[in-house]
């Protein structure tokens, strides 16, 4: 089940490199997120807990019928702020 391709923008690549985030991590979160929460401009934030749950990797994505377009990605220690309880 390959699904739609994950396309990483130039901006996202620059920020990922600057923030020490590997593309495989980003693709992994898009393919198997812990949560998906709505964002602005019709985008969604795909997020997953990392570092034994002490950090979140958040990936801002615009999805269309043909692909997932990664806008940016970042890590945060503010798990309680962003993780939505069911």
PDB file of N, CA and C in Angstrom:
ATOM      1  N   UNK A   1       0.833  -1.180   0.000  1.00  0.00           N
ATOM      2  CA  UNK A   1       0.000   0.000   0.000  1.00  0.00           C
ATOM      3  C   UNK A   1       0.883   1.250   0.000  1.00  0.00           C
ATOM      4  N   UNK A   2       1.404   1.654  -1.138  1.00  0.00           N
ATOM      5  CA  UNK A   2       2.311   2.793  -1.169  1.00  0.00           C
ATOM      6  C   UNK A   2       1.642   4.125  -0.889  1.00  0.00           C
ATOM      7  N   UNK A   3       0.402   4.326  -1.299  1.00  0.00           N
ATOM      8  CA  UNK A   3      -0.278   5.593  -1.066  1.00  0.00           C
ATOM      9  C   UNK A   3       0.275   6.707  -1.929  1.00  0.00           C
ATOM     10  N   UNK A   4      -0.173   7.902  -1.638  1.00  0.00           N
ATOM     11  CA  UNK A   4       0.253   9.075  -2.404  1.00  0.00           C
ATOM     12  C   UNK A   4       1.699   9.433  -2.061  1.00  0.00           C
ATOM     13  N   UNK A   5       2.403  10.041  -3.005  1.00  0.00           N
ATOM     14  CA  UNK A   5       3.776  10.459  -2.712  1.00  0.00           C
ATOM     15  C   UNK A   5       3.803  11.621  -1.720  1.00  0.00           C
ATOM     16  N   UNK A   6       4.914  11.702  -0.991  1.00  0.00           N
ATOM     17  CA  UNK A   6       5.166  12.802  -0.071  1.00  0.00           C
ATOM     18  C   UNK A   6       6.189  13.714  -0.748  1.00  0.00           C
ATOM     19  N   UNK A   7       5.776  14.944  -1.059  1.00  0.00           N
ATOM     20  CA  UNK A   7       6.642  15.897  -1.752  1.00  0.00           C
ATOM     21  C   UNK A   7       7.101  16.945  -0.747  1.00  0.00           C
ATOM     22  N   UNK A   8       8.418  17.048  -0.573  1.00  0.00           N
ATOM     23  CA  UNK A   8       8.988  17.973   0.407  1.00  0.00           C
ATOM     24  C   UNK A   8       9.434  19.237  -0.324  1.00  0.00           C
ATOM     25  N   UNK A   9       8.889  20.375   0.089  1.00  0.00           N
ATOM     26  CA  UNK A   9       9.216  21.644  -0.565  1.00  0.00           C
ATOM     27  C   UNK A   9      10.652  22.064  -0.277  1.00  0.00           C
ATOM     28  N   UNK A  10      11.165  22.956  -1.085  1.00  0.00           N
ATOM     29  CA  UNK A  10      12.505  23.496  -0.873  1.00  0.00           C
ATOM     30  C   UNK A  10      12.625  24.176   0.479  1.00  0.00           C
ATOM     31  N   UNK A  11      11.599  24.930   0.854  1.00  0.00           N
ATOM     32  CA  UNK A  11      11.593  25.588   2.160  1.00  0.00           C
ATOM     33  C   UNK A  11      11.670  24.554   3.280  1.00  0.00           C
ATOM     34  N   UNK A  12      10.862  23.494   3.168  1.00  0.00           N
ATOM     35  CA  UNK A  12      10.865  22.447   4.186  1.00  0.00           C
ATOM     36  C   UNK A  12      12.235  21.782   4.268  1.00  0.00           C
ATOM     37  N   UNK A  13      12.848  21.500   3.126  1.00  0.00           N
ATOM     38  CA  UNK A  13      14.193  20.888   3.126  1.00  0.00           C
ATOM     39  C   UNK A  13      15.205  21.783   3.839  1.00  0.00           C
ATOM     40  N   UNK A  14      15.149  23.086   3.561  1.00  0.00           N
ATOM     41  CA  UNK A  14      16.052  24.033   4.208  1.00  0.00           C
ATOM     42  C   UNK A  14      15.854  24.013   5.724  1.00  0.00           C
ATOM     43  N   UNK A  15      14.598  24.089   6.164  1.00  0.00           N
ATOM     44  CA  UNK A  15      14.308  24.104   7.601  1.00  0.00           C
ATOM     45  C   UNK A  15      14.648  22.772   8.263  1.00  0.00           C
ATOM     46  N   UNK A  16      14.389  21.677   7.586  1.00  0.00           N
ATOM     47  CA  UNK A  16      14.719  20.363   8.131  1.00  0.00           C
ATOM     48  C   UNK A  16      16.225  20.231   8.330  1.00  0.00           C
ATOM     49  N   UNK A  17      16.994  20.676   7.350  1.00  0.00           N
ATOM     50  CA  UNK A  17      18.452  20.622   7.448  1.00  0.00           C
ATOM     51  C   UNK A  17      18.929  21.489   8.617  1.00  0.00           C
ATOM     52  N   UNK A  18      18.374  22.674   8.730  1.00  0.00           N
ATOM     53  CA  UNK A  18      18.737  23.606   9.795  1.00  0.00           C
ATOM     54  C   UNK A  18      18.368  23.061  11.179  1.00  0.00           C
ATOM     55  N   UNK A  19      17.254  22.317  11.238  1.00  0.00           N
ATOM     56  CA  UNK A  19      16.756  21.809  12.515  1.00  0.00           C
ATOM     57  C   UNK A  19      17.192  20.375  12.818  1.00  0.00           C
ATOM     58  N   UNK A  20      17.972  19.784  11.929  1.00  0.00           N
ATOM     59  CA  UNK A  20      18.465  18.425  12.166  1.00  0.00           C
ATOM     60  C   UNK A  20      17.393  17.355  12.080  1.00  0.00           C
ATOM     61  N   UNK A  21      16.477  17.516  11.148  1.00  0.00           N
ATOM     62  CA  UNK A  21      15.394  16.552  10.955  1.00  0.00           C
ATOM     63  C   UNK A  21      15.628  15.832   9.630  1.00  0.00           C
ATOM     64  N   UNK A  22      15.624  14.509   9.679  1.00  0.00           N
ATOM     65  CA  UNK A  22      15.849  13.723   8.464  1.00  0.00           C
ATOM     66  C   UNK A  22      14.548  13.568   7.664  1.00  0.00           C
ATOM     67  N   UNK A  23      14.700  13.489   6.353  1.00  0.00           N
ATOM     68  CA  UNK A  23      13.530  13.324   5.490  1.00  0.00           C
ATOM     69  C   UNK A  23      12.774  12.040   5.814  1.00  0.00           C
ATOM     70  N   UNK A  24      13.497  10.987   6.160  1.00  0.00           N
ATOM     71  CA  UNK A  24      12.841   9.719   6.503  1.00  0.00           C
ATOM     72  C   UNK A  24      11.927   9.881   7.726  1.00  0.00           C
ATOM     73  N   UNK A  25      12.325  10.726   8.681  1.00  0.00           N
ATOM     74  CA  UNK A  25      11.476  10.983   9.847  1.00  0.00           C
ATOM     75  C   UNK A  25      10.184  11.671   9.413  1.00  0.00           C
ATOM     76  N   UNK A  26      10.307  12.663   8.553  1.00  0.00           N
ATOM     77  CA  UNK A  26       9.154  13.425   8.087  1.00  0.00           C
ATOM     78  C   UNK A  26       8.199  12.521   7.308  1.00  0.00           C
ATOM     79  N   UNK A  27       8.726  11.753   6.390  1.00  0.00           N
ATOM     80  CA  UNK A  27       7.891  10.844   5.600  1.00  0.00           C
ATOM     81  C   UNK A  27       7.208   9.829   6.528  1.00  0.00           C
ATOM     82  N   UNK A  28       7.943   9.352   7.531  1.00  0.00           N
ATOM     83  CA  UNK A  28       7.366   8.413   8.495  1.00  0.00           C
ATOM     84  C   UNK A  28       6.182   8.994   9.243  1.00  0.00           C
ATOM     85  N   UNK A  29       6.285  10.254   9.635  1.00  0.00           N
ATOM     86  CA  UNK A  29       5.184  10.905  10.357  1.00  0.00           C
ATOM     87  C   UNK A  29       3.996  11.127   9.432  1.00  0.00           C
ATOM     88  N   UNK A  30       4.252  11.493   8.186  1.00  0.00           N
ATOM     89  CA  UNK A  30       3.150  11.692   7.242  1.00  0.00           C
ATOM     90  C   UNK A  30       2.454  10.356   6.957  1.00  0.00           C
ATOM     91  N   UNK A  31       3.229   9.302   6.813  1.00  0.00           N
ATOM     92  CA  UNK A  31       2.656   7.981   6.512  1.00  0.00           C
ATOM     93  C   UNK A  31       1.953   7.361   7.716  1.00  0.00           C
ATOM     94  N   UNK A  32       2.489   7.577   8.917  1.00  0.00           N
ATOM     95  CA  UNK A  32       1.939   6.951  10.120  1.00  0.00           C
ATOM     96  C   UNK A  32       1.960   7.954  11.276  1.00  0.00           C
ATOM     97  N   UNK A  33       1.087   8.959  11.227  1.00  0.00           N
ATOM     98  CA  UNK A  33       1.092   9.984  12.277  1.00  0.00           C
ATOM     99  C   UNK A  33       0.473   9.473  13.572  1.00  0.00           C
ATOM    100  N   UNK A  34       0.912  10.050  14.678  1.00  0.00           N
ATOM    101  CA  UNK A  34       0.236   9.793  15.944  1.00  0.00           C
ATOM    102  C   UNK A  34      -1.088  10.527  15.978  1.00  0.00           C
ATOM    103  N   UNK A  35      -1.093  11.730  15.388  1.00  0.00           N
ATOM    104  CA  UNK A  35      -2.292  12.555  15.288  1.00  0.00           C
ATOM    105  C   UNK A  35      -2.207  13.430  14.045  1.00  0.00           C
ATOM    106  N   UNK A  36      -3.382  13.832  13.584  1.00  0.00           N
ATOM    107  CA  UNK A  36      -3.475  14.838  12.531  1.00  0.00           C
ATOM    108  C   UNK A  36      -4.444  15.896  13.050  1.00  0.00           C
ATOM    109  N   UNK A  37      -3.965  17.139  13.130  1.00  0.00           N
ATOM    110  CA  UNK A  37      -4.811  18.231  13.625  1.00  0.00           C
ATOM    111  C   UNK A  37      -4.926  19.302  12.549  1.00  0.00           C
ATOM    112  N   UNK A  38      -6.086  19.954  12.471  1.00  0.00           N
ATOM    113  CA  UNK A  38      -6.255  20.996  11.459  1.00  0.00           C
ATOM    114  C   UNK A  38      -5.363  22.199  11.748  1.00  0.00           C
ATOM    115  N   UNK A  39      -4.994  22.882  10.683  1.00  0.00           N
ATOM    116  CA  UNK A  39      -4.163  24.075  10.774  1.00  0.00           C
ATOM    117  C   UNK A  39      -4.809  25.166   9.930  1.00  0.00           C
ATOM    118  N   UNK A  40      -4.076  26.228   9.704  1.00  0.00           N
ATOM    119  CA  UNK A  40      -4.609  27.338   8.902  1.00  0.00           C
ATOM    120  C   UNK A  40      -4.491  27.051   7.410  1.00  0.00           C
ATOM    121  N   UNK A  41      -5.206  27.816   6.643  1.00  0.00           N
ATOM    122  CA  UNK A  41      -5.135  27.767   5.177  1.00  0.00           C
ATOM    123  C   UNK A  41      -5.438  26.388   4.608  1.00  0.00           C
ATOM    124  N   UNK A  42      -6.270  25.610   5.281  1.00  0.00           N
ATOM    125  CA  UNK A  42      -6.630  24.289   4.789  1.00  0.00           C
ATOM    126  C   UNK A  42      -5.545  23.242   4.949  1.00  0.00           C
ATOM    127  N   UNK A  43      -4.531  23.554   5.705  1.00  0.00           N
ATOM    128  CA  UNK A  43      -3.437  22.608   5.934  1.00  0.00           C
ATOM    129  C   UNK A  43      -3.730  21.780   7.182  1.00  0.00           C
ATOM    130  N   UNK A  44      -2.916  20.731   7.358  1.00  0.00           N
ATOM    131  CA  UNK A  44      -2.998  19.904   8.557  1.00  0.00           C
ATOM    132  C   UNK A  44      -1.601  19.730   9.139  1.00  0.00           C
ATOM    133  N   UNK A  45      -1.556  19.513  10.441  1.00  0.00           N
ATOM    134  CA  UNK A  45      -0.291  19.207  11.106  1.00  0.00           C
ATOM    135  C   UNK A  45      -0.317  17.738  11.466  1.00  0.00           C
ATOM    136  N   UNK A  46       0.594  16.998  10.875  1.00  0.00           N
ATOM    137  CA  UNK A  46       0.792  15.583  11.187  1.00  0.00           C
ATOM    138  C   UNK A  46       1.854  15.561  12.267  1.00  0.00           C
ATOM    139  N   UNK A  47       1.558  14.890  13.386  1.00  0.00           N
ATOM    140  CA  UNK A  47       2.521  14.919  14.473  1.00  0.00           C
ATOM    141  C   UNK A  47       2.672  13.555  15.103  1.00  0.00           C
ATOM    142  N   UNK A  48       3.863  13.343  15.682  1.00  0.00           N
ATOM    143  CA  UNK A  48       4.164  12.093  16.369  1.00  0.00           C
ATOM    144  C   UNK A  48       5.105  12.389  17.521  1.00  0.00           C
ATOM    145  N   UNK A  49       4.926  11.637  18.602  1.00  0.00           N
ATOM    146  CA  UNK A  49       5.821  11.765  19.750  1.00  0.00           C
ATOM    147  C   UNK A  49       7.142  11.077  19.426  1.00  0.00           C
ATOM    148  N   UNK A  50       8.233  11.737  19.795  1.00  0.00           N
ATOM    149  CA  UNK A  50       9.578  11.183  19.601  1.00  0.00           C
ATOM    150  C   UNK A  50      10.350  11.361  20.898  1.00  0.00           C
ATOM    151  N   UNK A  51      11.558  10.831  20.955  1.00  0.00           N
ATOM    152  CA  UNK A  51      12.431  10.964  22.128  1.00  0.00           C
ATOM    153  C   UNK A  51      11.700  10.504  23.390  1.00  0.00           C
ATOM    154  N   UNK A  52      11.160   9.279  23.341  1.00  0.00           N
ATOM    155  CA  UNK A  52      10.441   8.689  24.479  1.00  0.00           C
ATOM    156  C   UNK A  52       9.273   9.548  24.943  1.00  0.00           C
ATOM    157  N   UNK A  53       8.631  10.239  24.011  1.00  0.00           N
ATOM    158  CA  UNK A  53       7.462  11.041  24.330  1.00  0.00           C
ATOM    159  C   UNK A  53       7.757  12.422  24.877  1.00  0.00           C
ATOM    160  N   UNK A  54       9.030  12.783  24.955  1.00  0.00           N
ATOM    161  CA  UNK A  54       9.408  14.095  25.497  1.00  0.00           C
ATOM    162  C   UNK A  54       9.345  15.209  24.445  1.00  0.00           C
ATOM    163  N   UNK A  55       9.281  14.822  23.161  1.00  0.00           N
ATOM    164  CA  UNK A  55       9.266  15.788  22.057  1.00  0.00           C
ATOM    165  C   UNK A  55       8.188  15.385  21.060  1.00  0.00           C
ATOM    166  N   UNK A  56       7.781  16.369  20.272  1.00  0.00           N
ATOM    167  CA  UNK A  56       6.898  16.116  19.138  1.00  0.00           C
ATOM    168  C   UNK A  56       7.620  16.509  17.870  1.00  0.00           C
ATOM    169  N   UNK A  57       7.432  15.706  16.833  1.00  0.00           N
ATOM    170  CA  UNK A  57       7.837  16.107  15.490  1.00  0.00           C
ATOM    171  C   UNK A  57       6.546  16.503  14.800  1.00  0.00           C
ATOM    172  N   UNK A  58       6.457  17.768  14.397  1.00  0.00           N
ATOM    173  CA  UNK A  58       5.255  18.317  13.759  1.00  0.00           C
ATOM    174  C   UNK A  58       5.570  18.630  12.304  1.00  0.00           C
ATOM    175  N   UNK A  59       4.718  18.136  11.413  1.00  0.00           N
ATOM    176  CA  UNK A  59       4.923  18.309   9.975  1.00  0.00           C
ATOM    177  C   UNK A  59       3.679  18.992   9.407  1.00  0.00           C
ATOM    178  N   UNK A  60       3.870  20.185   8.856  1.00  0.00           N
ATOM    179  CA  UNK A  60       2.758  20.933   8.262  1.00  0.00           C
ATOM    180  C   UNK A  60       2.606  20.462   6.818  1.00  0.00           C
ATOM    181  N   UNK A  61       1.390  20.016   6.483  1.00  0.00           N
ATOM    182  CA  UNK A  61       1.145  19.354   5.200  1.00  0.00           C
ATOM    183  C   UNK A  61      -0.081  19.960   4.518  1.00  0.00           C
ATOM    184  N   UNK A  62       0.043  20.152   3.214  1.00  0.00           N
ATOM    185  CA  UNK A  62      -1.107  20.462   2.361  1.00  0.00           C
ATOM    186  C   UNK A  62      -1.338  19.228   1.509  1.00  0.00           C
ATOM    187  N   UNK A  63      -2.513  18.656   1.626  1.00  0.00           N
ATOM    188  CA  UNK A  63      -2.814  17.435   0.882  1.00  0.00           C
ATOM    189  C   UNK A  63      -3.742  17.766  -0.274  1.00  0.00           C
ATOM    190  N   UNK A  64      -3.456  17.168  -1.425  1.00  0.00           N
ATOM    191  CA  UNK A  64      -4.404  17.235  -2.533  1.00  0.00           C
ATOM    192  C   UNK A  64      -4.660  15.809  -3.010  1.00  0.00           C
ATOM    193  N   UNK A  65      -5.364  15.678  -4.106  1.00  0.00           N
ATOM    194  CA  UNK A  65      -5.754  14.336  -4.556  1.00  0.00           C
ATOM    195  C   UNK A  65      -4.570  13.490  -5.006  1.00  0.00           C
ATOM    196  N   UNK A  66      -3.449  14.138  -5.353  1.00  0.00           N
ATOM    197  CA  UNK A  66      -2.331  13.369  -5.904  1.00  0.00           C
ATOM    198  C   UNK A  66      -1.137  13.213  -4.969  1.00  0.00           C
ATOM    199  N   UNK A  67      -1.021  14.058  -3.906  1.00  0.00           N
ATOM    200  CA  UNK A  67       0.191  14.000  -3.079  1.00  0.00           C
ATOM    201  C   UNK A  67       0.001  14.714  -1.740  1.00  0.00           C
ATOM    202  N   UNK A  68       0.936  14.425  -0.831  1.00  0.00           N
ATOM    203  CA  UNK A  68       1.089  15.174   0.410  1.00  0.00           C
ATOM    204  C   UNK A  68       2.228  16.159   0.173  1.00  0.00           C
ATOM    205  N   UNK A  69       1.973  17.445   0.362  1.00  0.00           N
ATOM    206  CA  UNK A  69       2.987  18.474   0.145  1.00  0.00           C
ATOM    207  C   UNK A  69       3.448  18.982   1.507  1.00  0.00           C
ATOM    208  N   UNK A  70       4.706  18.701   1.854  1.00  0.00           N
ATOM    209  CA  UNK A  70       5.249  19.124   3.136  1.00  0.00           C
ATOM    210  C   UNK A  70       5.668  20.583   3.029  1.00  0.00           C
ATOM    211  N   UNK A  71       5.084  21.423   3.883  1.00  0.00           N
ATOM    212  CA  UNK A  71       5.376  22.858   3.906  1.00  0.00           C
ATOM    213  C   UNK A  71       6.580  23.129   4.812  1.00  0.00           C
ATOM    214  N   UNK A  72       6.568  22.545   6.003  1.00  0.00           N
ATOM    215  CA  UNK A  72       7.691  22.672   6.934  1.00  0.00           C
ATOM    216  C   UNK A  72       7.578  21.586   7.988  1.00  0.00           C
ATOM    217  N   UNK A  73       8.632  21.438   8.786  1.00  0.00           N
ATOM    218  CA  UNK A  73       8.646  20.466   9.877  1.00  0.00           C
ATOM    219  C   UNK A  73       9.501  21.025  11.001  1.00  0.00           C
ATOM    220  N   UNK A  74       9.103  20.711  12.227  1.00  0.00           N
ATOM    221  CA  UNK A  74       9.894  21.157  13.371  1.00  0.00           C
ATOM    222  C   UNK A  74       9.649  20.245  14.567  1.00  0.00           C
ATOM    223  N   UNK A  75      10.580  20.274  15.491  1.00  0.00           N
ATOM    224  CA  UNK A  75      10.470  19.545  16.749  1.00  0.00           C
ATOM    225  C   UNK A  75      10.113  20.543  17.841  1.00  0.00           C
ATOM    226  N   UNK A  76       9.352  20.075  18.825  1.00  0.00           N
ATOM    227  CA  UNK A  76       9.029  20.914  19.971  1.00  0.00           C
ATOM    228  C   UNK A  76       8.949  20.061  21.228  1.00  0.00           C
ATOM    229  N   UNK A  77       9.298  20.666  22.339  1.00  0.00           N
ATOM    230  CA  UNK A  77       9.170  19.980  23.630  1.00  0.00           C
ATOM    231  C   UNK A  77       7.811  20.270  24.269  1.00  0.00           C
ATOM    232  N   UNK A  78       7.002  21.096  23.631  1.00  0.00           N
ATOM    233  CA  UNK A  78       5.705  21.496  24.187  1.00  0.00           C
ATOM    234  C   UNK A  78       4.620  20.472  23.826  1.00  0.00           C
ATOM    235  N   UNK A  79       4.837  19.244  24.282  1.00  0.00           N
ATOM    236  CA  UNK A  79       3.919  18.149  23.960  1.00  0.00           C
ATOM    237  C   UNK A  79       2.524  18.450  24.487  1.00  0.00           C
ATOM    238  N   UNK A  80       2.416  18.897  25.733  1.00  0.00           N
ATOM    239  CA  UNK A  80       1.111  19.156  26.343  1.00  0.00           C
ATOM    240  C   UNK A  80       0.332  20.232  25.588  1.00  0.00           C
ATOM    241  N   UNK A  81       1.031  21.192  25.015  1.00  0.00           N
ATOM    242  CA  UNK A  81       0.376  22.272  24.279  1.00  0.00           C
ATOM    243  C   UNK A  81      -0.258  21.782  22.977  1.00  0.00           C
ATOM    244  N   UNK A  82       0.432  20.910  22.264  1.00  0.00           N
ATOM    245  CA  UNK A  82      -0.005  20.526  20.919  1.00  0.00           C
ATOM    246  C   UNK A  82      -0.708  19.183  20.817  1.00  0.00           C
ATOM    247  N   UNK A  83      -0.438  18.261  21.737  1.00  0.00           N
ATOM    248  CA  UNK A  83      -1.028  16.925  21.649  1.00  0.00           C
ATOM    249  C   UNK A  83      -2.470  17.000  22.119  1.00  0.00           C
ATOM    250  N   UNK A  84      -3.387  16.630  21.263  1.00  0.00           N
ATOM    251  CA  UNK A  84      -4.806  16.694  21.583  1.00  0.00           C
ATOM    252  C   UNK A  84      -5.268  15.382  22.199  1.00  0.00           C
ATOM    253  N   UNK A  85      -5.876  15.466  23.358  1.00  0.00           N
ATOM    254  CA  UNK A  85      -6.408  14.265  24.012  1.00  0.00           C
ATOM    255  C   UNK A  85      -7.718  13.867  23.325  1.00  0.00           C
ATOM    256  N   UNK A  86      -7.940  12.559  23.170  1.00  0.00           N
ATOM    257  CA  UNK A  86      -9.178  12.111  22.496  1.00  0.00           C
ATOM    258  C   UNK A  86     -10.427  12.443  23.294  1.00  0.00           C
TER     259      UNK A  86
END
